[in-house]
Amino acid sequence: MDLVPENSSSANKRTTAGGRVKWSAALECLLVDIWQEKIEDLRGPRKNSHVYMEMAESMKEAGLG
């Protein structure tokens, strides 16, 4: 899943030597906030794939997908 939009600032496009994207502090905070909202669902008895899909959709809505 590509979390950095094509038109994002160059600060968000930095990569490591291995080619992985370095997340900005703002992206990390957004992910933690979304995770916090979904933590009870993640701890539930059902599989988590639907929760992760919802989290990905939330990040896309924030302009990161």
Protein backbone atom coordinates (compact mmCIF):
# COMPACT_ATOMS: atom_id res chain seq x y z
CA MET A 1 0.00 0.00 0.00
CA ASP A 2 1.46 3.34 -1.07
CA LEU A 3 0.86 5.88 1.68
CA VAL A 4 2.57 8.85 0.02
CA PRO A 5 0.54 10.69 -2.60
CA GLU A 6 2.23 11.47 -5.90
CA ASN A 7 1.83 15.20 -5.37
CA SER A 8 3.09 15.22 -1.77
CA SER A 9 5.98 17.36 -0.65
CA SER A 10 9.49 16.06 -1.15
CA ALA A 11 9.82 15.72 2.64
CA ASN A 12 7.29 12.90 2.54
CA LYS A 13 9.07 11.16 -0.35
CA ARG A 14 12.38 10.51 1.40
CA THR A 15 13.40 6.91 1.35
CA THR A 16 15.94 4.78 3.16
CA ALA A 17 18.82 3.04 1.41
CA GLY A 18 16.53 0.01 1.12
CA GLY A 19 13.89 2.05 -0.69
CA ARG A 20 11.38 2.24 2.14
CA VAL A 21 9.48 5.48 2.63
CA LYS A 22 10.39 7.46 5.73
CA TRP A 23 7.19 8.58 7.42
CA SER A 24 6.91 12.18 8.58
CA ALA A 25 5.88 12.91 12.15
CA ALA A 26 2.46 14.03 10.87
CA LEU A 27 1.89 10.71 9.09
CA GLU A 28 2.93 8.78 12.18
CA CYS A 29 0.56 10.82 14.36
CA LEU A 30 -2.29 10.24 11.92
CA LEU A 31 -1.70 6.49 11.96
CA VAL A 32 -1.55 6.40 15.76
CA ASP A 33 -4.77 8.44 15.99
CA ILE A 34 -6.56 6.09 13.60
CA TRP A 35 -5.16 3.06 15.43
CA GLN A 36 -6.41 4.49 18.74
CA GLU A 37 -9.91 4.86 17.27
CA LYS A 38 -9.89 1.23 16.09
CA ILE A 39 -8.10 -0.49 19.00
CA GLU A 40 -11.24 -2.07 20.47
CA ASP A 41 -12.14 -3.53 17.07
CA LEU A 42 -8.60 -4.88 16.72
CA ARG A 43 -8.87 -6.59 20.09
CA GLY A 44 -12.20 -8.19 19.20
CA PRO A 45 -12.81 -11.85 18.39
CA ARG A 46 -13.14 -11.28 14.62
CA LYS A 47 -10.31 -11.21 12.14
CA ASN A 48 -8.73 -7.81 11.73
CA SER A 49 -8.49 -7.50 7.96
CA HIS A 50 -11.69 -5.45 7.75
CA VAL A 51 -10.38 -3.09 10.46
CA TYR A 52 -7.11 -2.57 8.60
CA MET A 53 -9.07 -1.86 5.42
CA GLU A 54 -11.08 0.79 7.29
CA MET A 55 -7.84 2.28 8.62
CA ALA A 56 -6.40 2.40 5.10
CA GLU A 57 -9.56 4.09 3.86
CA SER A 58 -9.28 6.70 6.63
CA MET A 59 -5.71 7.45 5.56
CA LYS A 60 -6.82 7.72 1.92
CA GLU A 61 -9.55 10.17 2.93
CA ALA A 62 -6.87 12.23 4.66
CA GLY A 63 -5.12 12.46 1.29
CA LEU A 64 -2.43 9.85 1.81
CA GLY A 65 -3.37 7.15 -0.64
